Amino acid sequence: MYIWQFCDVRVSDEWFAARPRTMNNKGIVDEYRRRKLSYNVVKKIYEKA
């Protein structure tokens, strides 16, 4: 398993114009590197390995 999108990032408005603030928000931390709920889930998975 690997993390595809670590953090939320601003992206081209050509691709993500419909998203708020043209953000790709699929990361496990936000744009300011604050942990999201998914962060702890992923952390537990990696700790078990």
PDB file of N, CA and C in Angstrom:
ATOM      1  N   MET A   1       0.838  -1.170   0.000  1.00  0.00           N
ATOM      2  CA  MET A   1       0.000   0.000   0.000  1.00  0.00           C
ATOM      3  C   MET A   1       0.885   1.236   0.000  1.00  0.00           C
ATOM      4  N   TYR A   2       0.427   2.271  -0.645  1.00  0.00           N
ATOM      5  CA  TYR A   2       1.150   3.543  -0.635  1.00  0.00           C
ATOM      6  C   TYR A   2       0.146   4.693  -0.674  1.00  0.00           C
ATOM      7  N   ILE A   3       0.587   5.850  -0.252  1.00  0.00           N
ATOM      8  CA  ILE A   3      -0.255   7.045  -0.215  1.00  0.00           C
ATOM      9  C   ILE A   3      -0.166   7.727  -1.566  1.00  0.00           C
ATOM     10  N   TRP A   4      -1.273   7.853  -2.232  1.00  0.00           N
ATOM     11  CA  TRP A   4      -1.285   8.495  -3.548  1.00  0.00           C
ATOM     12  C   TRP A   4      -1.253  10.012  -3.413  1.00  0.00           C
ATOM     13  N   GLN A   5      -2.060  10.542  -2.523  1.00  0.00           N
ATOM     14  CA  GLN A   5      -2.156  11.993  -2.362  1.00  0.00           C
ATOM     15  C   GLN A   5      -1.919  12.320  -0.896  1.00  0.00           C
ATOM     16  N   PHE A   6      -0.701  12.730  -0.546  1.00  0.00           N
ATOM     17  CA  PHE A   6      -0.371  13.028   0.853  1.00  0.00           C
ATOM     18  C   PHE A   6      -1.109  14.257   1.360  1.00  0.00           C
ATOM     19  N   CYS A   7      -1.079  15.336   0.598  1.00  0.00           N
ATOM     20  CA  CYS A   7      -1.666  16.579   1.083  1.00  0.00           C
ATOM     21  C   CYS A   7      -2.569  17.219   0.029  1.00  0.00           C
ATOM     22  N   ASP A   8      -3.465  18.057   0.494  1.00  0.00           N
ATOM     23  CA  ASP A   8      -4.330  18.816  -0.407  1.00  0.00           C
ATOM     24  C   ASP A   8      -3.488  19.873  -1.124  1.00  0.00           C
ATOM     25  N   VAL A   9      -3.732  20.036  -2.389  1.00  0.00           N
ATOM     26  CA  VAL A   9      -2.966  21.004  -3.173  1.00  0.00           C
ATOM     27  C   VAL A   9      -3.879  21.781  -4.108  1.00  0.00           C
ATOM     28  N   ARG A  10      -3.458  22.959  -4.444  1.00  0.00           N
ATOM     29  CA  ARG A  10      -4.157  23.769  -5.439  1.00  0.00           C
ATOM     30  C   ARG A  10      -3.752  23.265  -6.815  1.00  0.00           C
ATOM     31  N   VAL A  11      -4.706  23.155  -7.713  1.00  0.00           N
ATOM     32  CA  VAL A  11      -4.435  22.605  -9.038  1.00  0.00           C
ATOM     33  C   VAL A  11      -4.982  23.532 -10.124  1.00  0.00           C
ATOM     34  N   SER A  12      -4.710  23.166 -11.333  1.00  0.00           N
ATOM     35  CA  SER A  12      -5.121  23.954 -12.489  1.00  0.00           C
ATOM     36  C   SER A  12      -6.631  24.128 -12.538  1.00  0.00           C
ATOM     37  N   ASP A  13      -7.081  25.346 -12.772  1.00  0.00           N
ATOM     38  CA  ASP A  13      -8.526  25.554 -12.867  1.00  0.00           C
ATOM     39  C   ASP A  13      -9.101  24.989 -14.154  1.00  0.00           C
ATOM     40  N   GLU A  14      -8.242  24.578 -15.086  1.00  0.00           N
ATOM     41  CA  GLU A  14      -8.737  23.901 -16.290  1.00  0.00           C
ATOM     42  C   GLU A  14      -9.312  22.534 -15.931  1.00  0.00           C
ATOM     43  N   TRP A  15      -8.694  21.831 -14.992  1.00  0.00           N
ATOM     44  CA  TRP A  15      -9.143  20.492 -14.608  1.00  0.00           C
ATOM     45  C   TRP A  15     -10.113  20.506 -13.445  1.00  0.00           C
ATOM     46  N   PHE A  16      -9.897  21.408 -12.492  1.00  0.00           N
ATOM     47  CA  PHE A  16     -10.672  21.379 -11.253  1.00  0.00           C
ATOM     48  C   PHE A  16     -11.455  22.665 -11.023  1.00  0.00           C
ATOM     49  N   ALA A  17     -11.919  23.300 -12.065  1.00  0.00           N
ATOM     50  CA  ALA A  17     -12.628  24.573 -11.942  1.00  0.00           C
ATOM     51  C   ALA A  17     -13.890  24.457 -11.087  1.00  0.00           C
ATOM     52  N   ALA A  18     -14.510  23.294 -11.085  1.00  0.00           N
ATOM     53  CA  ALA A  18     -15.743  23.109 -10.327  1.00  0.00           C
ATOM     54  C   ALA A  18     -15.489  22.876  -8.833  1.00  0.00           C
ATOM     55  N   ARG A  19     -14.262  22.600  -8.456  1.00  0.00           N
ATOM     56  CA  ARG A  19     -13.956  22.357  -7.045  1.00  0.00           C
ATOM     57  C   ARG A  19     -13.753  23.679  -6.299  1.00  0.00           C
ATOM     58  N   PRO A  20     -14.114  23.704  -5.026  1.00  0.00           N
ATOM     59  CA  PRO A  20     -13.897  24.929  -4.248  1.00  0.00           C
ATOM     60  C   PRO A  20     -12.419  25.314  -4.220  1.00  0.00           C
ATOM     61  N   ARG A  21     -12.149  26.556  -4.540  1.00  0.00           N
ATOM     62  CA  ARG A  21     -10.794  27.102  -4.540  1.00  0.00           C
ATOM     63  C   ARG A  21      -9.834  26.315  -5.435  1.00  0.00           C
ATOM     64  N   THR A  22     -10.351  25.613  -6.410  1.00  0.00           N
ATOM     65  CA  THR A  22      -9.571  24.747  -7.322  1.00  0.00           C
ATOM     66  C   THR A  22      -8.584  23.875  -6.548  1.00  0.00           C
ATOM     67  N   MET A  23      -9.085  23.214  -5.507  1.00  0.00           N
ATOM     68  CA  MET A  23      -8.242  22.356  -4.673  1.00  0.00           C
ATOM     69  C   MET A  23      -8.507  20.882  -4.955  1.00  0.00           C
ATOM     70  N   ASN A  24      -7.424  20.106  -5.018  1.00  0.00           N
ATOM     71  CA  ASN A  24      -7.528  18.658  -4.988  1.00  0.00           C
ATOM     72  C   ASN A  24      -7.441  18.303  -3.512  1.00  0.00           C
ATOM     73  N   ASN A  25      -8.564  17.948  -2.918  1.00  0.00           N
ATOM     74  CA  ASN A  25      -8.640  17.790  -1.465  1.00  0.00           C
ATOM     75  C   ASN A  25      -8.705  16.332  -1.029  1.00  0.00           C
ATOM     76  N   LYS A  26      -7.989  15.472  -1.698  1.00  0.00           N
ATOM     77  CA  LYS A  26      -8.038  14.047  -1.372  1.00  0.00           C
ATOM     78  C   LYS A  26      -6.871  13.586  -0.509  1.00  0.00           C
ATOM     79  N   GLY A  27      -6.100  14.508   0.017  1.00  0.00           N
ATOM     80  CA  GLY A  27      -4.944  14.145   0.840  1.00  0.00           C
ATOM     81  C   GLY A  27      -5.334  13.703   2.238  1.00  0.00           C
ATOM     82  N   ILE A  28      -4.350  13.159   2.982  1.00  0.00           N
ATOM     83  CA  ILE A  28      -4.601  12.777   4.375  1.00  0.00           C
ATOM     84  C   ILE A  28      -4.269  13.926   5.329  1.00  0.00           C
ATOM     85  N   VAL A  29      -3.629  14.979   4.796  1.00  0.00           N
ATOM     86  CA  VAL A  29      -3.447  16.228   5.539  1.00  0.00           C
ATOM     87  C   VAL A  29      -3.923  17.366   4.639  1.00  0.00           C
ATOM     88  N   ASP A  30      -4.290  18.482   5.248  1.00  0.00           N
ATOM     89  CA  ASP A  30      -4.793  19.591   4.438  1.00  0.00           C
ATOM     90  C   ASP A  30      -3.646  20.432   3.881  1.00  0.00           C
ATOM     91  N   GLU A  31      -3.972  21.526   3.250  1.00  0.00           N
ATOM     92  CA  GLU A  31      -2.947  22.345   2.598  1.00  0.00           C
ATOM     93  C   GLU A  31      -1.963  22.957   3.587  1.00  0.00           C
ATOM     94  N   TYR A  32      -2.347  23.040   4.865  1.00  0.00           N
ATOM     95  CA  TYR A  32      -1.465  23.567   5.903  1.00  0.00           C
ATOM     96  C   TYR A  32      -0.810  22.447   6.711  1.00  0.00           C
ATOM     97  N   ARG A  33      -0.941  21.225   6.213  1.00  0.00           N
ATOM     98  CA  ARG A  33      -0.373  20.008   6.813  1.00  0.00           C
ATOM     99  C   ARG A  33      -1.001  19.662   8.157  1.00  0.00           C
ATOM    100  N   ARG A  34      -2.264  20.067   8.329  1.00  0.00           N
ATOM    101  CA  ARG A  34      -3.020  19.655   9.509  1.00  0.00           C
ATOM    102  C   ARG A  34      -3.645  18.296   9.221  1.00  0.00           C
ATOM    103  N   ARG A  35      -3.593  17.419  10.184  1.00  0.00           N
ATOM    104  CA  ARG A  35      -4.099  16.063   9.999  1.00  0.00           C
ATOM    105  C   ARG A  35      -5.603  16.041   9.788  1.00  0.00           C
ATOM    106  N   LYS A  36      -6.041  15.193   8.851  1.00  0.00           N
ATOM    107  CA  LYS A  36      -7.470  14.938   8.644  1.00  0.00           C
ATOM    108  C   LYS A  36      -7.823  13.643   9.370  1.00  0.00           C
ATOM    109  N   LEU A  37      -9.100  13.290   9.397  1.00  0.00           N
ATOM    110  CA  LEU A  37      -9.519  12.055  10.063  1.00  0.00           C
ATOM    111  C   LEU A  37      -8.844  10.832   9.463  1.00  0.00           C
ATOM    112  N   SER A  38      -8.650  10.841   8.160  1.00  0.00           N
ATOM    113  CA  SER A  38      -8.035   9.691   7.494  1.00  0.00           C
ATOM    114  C   SER A  38      -6.574   9.488   7.896  1.00  0.00           C
ATOM    115  N   TYR A  39      -5.920  10.514   8.388  1.00  0.00           N
ATOM    116  CA  TYR A  39      -4.513  10.413   8.788  1.00  0.00           C
ATOM    117  C   TYR A  39      -4.321   9.315   9.833  1.00  0.00           C
ATOM    118  N   ASN A  40      -5.158   9.329  10.864  1.00  0.00           N
ATOM    119  CA  ASN A  40      -5.023   8.333  11.941  1.00  0.00           C
ATOM    120  C   ASN A  40      -5.320   6.920  11.464  1.00  0.00           C
ATOM    121  N   VAL A  41      -6.253   6.774  10.540  1.00  0.00           N
ATOM    122  CA  VAL A  41      -6.565   5.455   9.989  1.00  0.00           C
ATOM    123  C   VAL A  41      -5.348   4.906   9.244  1.00  0.00           C
ATOM    124  N   VAL A  42      -4.757   5.730   8.407  1.00  0.00           N
ATOM    125  CA  VAL A  42      -3.581   5.306   7.643  1.00  0.00           C
ATOM    126  C   VAL A  42      -2.415   5.021   8.594  1.00  0.00           C
ATOM    127  N   LYS A  43      -2.250   5.836   9.601  1.00  0.00           N
ATOM    128  CA  LYS A  43      -1.172   5.637  10.568  1.00  0.00           C
ATOM    129  C   LYS A  43      -1.294   4.278  11.255  1.00  0.00           C
ATOM    130  N   LYS A  44      -2.516   3.906  11.662  1.00  0.00           N
ATOM    131  CA  LYS A  44      -2.728   2.616  12.310  1.00  0.00           C
ATOM    132  C   LYS A  44      -2.409   1.452  11.378  1.00  0.00           C
ATOM    133  N   ILE A  45      -2.758   1.598  10.103  1.00  0.00           N
ATOM    134  CA  ILE A  45      -2.466   0.542   9.131  1.00  0.00           C
ATOM    135  C   ILE A  45      -0.962   0.343   9.004  1.00  0.00           C
ATOM    136  N   TYR A  46      -0.220   1.436   8.929  1.00  0.00           N
ATOM    137  CA  TYR A  46       1.233   1.336   8.795  1.00  0.00           C
ATOM    138  C   TYR A  46       1.903   0.852  10.075  1.00  0.00           C
ATOM    139  N   GLU A  47       1.355   1.153  11.224  1.00  0.00           N
ATOM    140  CA  GLU A  47       1.930   0.692  12.483  1.00  0.00           C
ATOM    141  C   GLU A  47       1.793  -0.820  12.626  1.00  0.00           C
ATOM    142  N   LYS A  48       0.742  -1.398  12.073  1.00  0.00           N
ATOM    143  CA  LYS A  48       0.531  -2.847  12.144  1.00  0.00           C
ATOM    144  C   LYS A  48       1.498  -3.606  11.262  1.00  0.00           C
ATOM    145  N   ALA A  49       1.955  -2.970  10.202  1.00  0.00           N
ATOM    146  CA  ALA A  49       2.814  -3.659   9.214  1.00  0.00           C
ATOM    147  C   ALA A  49       4.210  -3.898   9.740  1.00  0.00           C
TER     148      ALA A  49
END
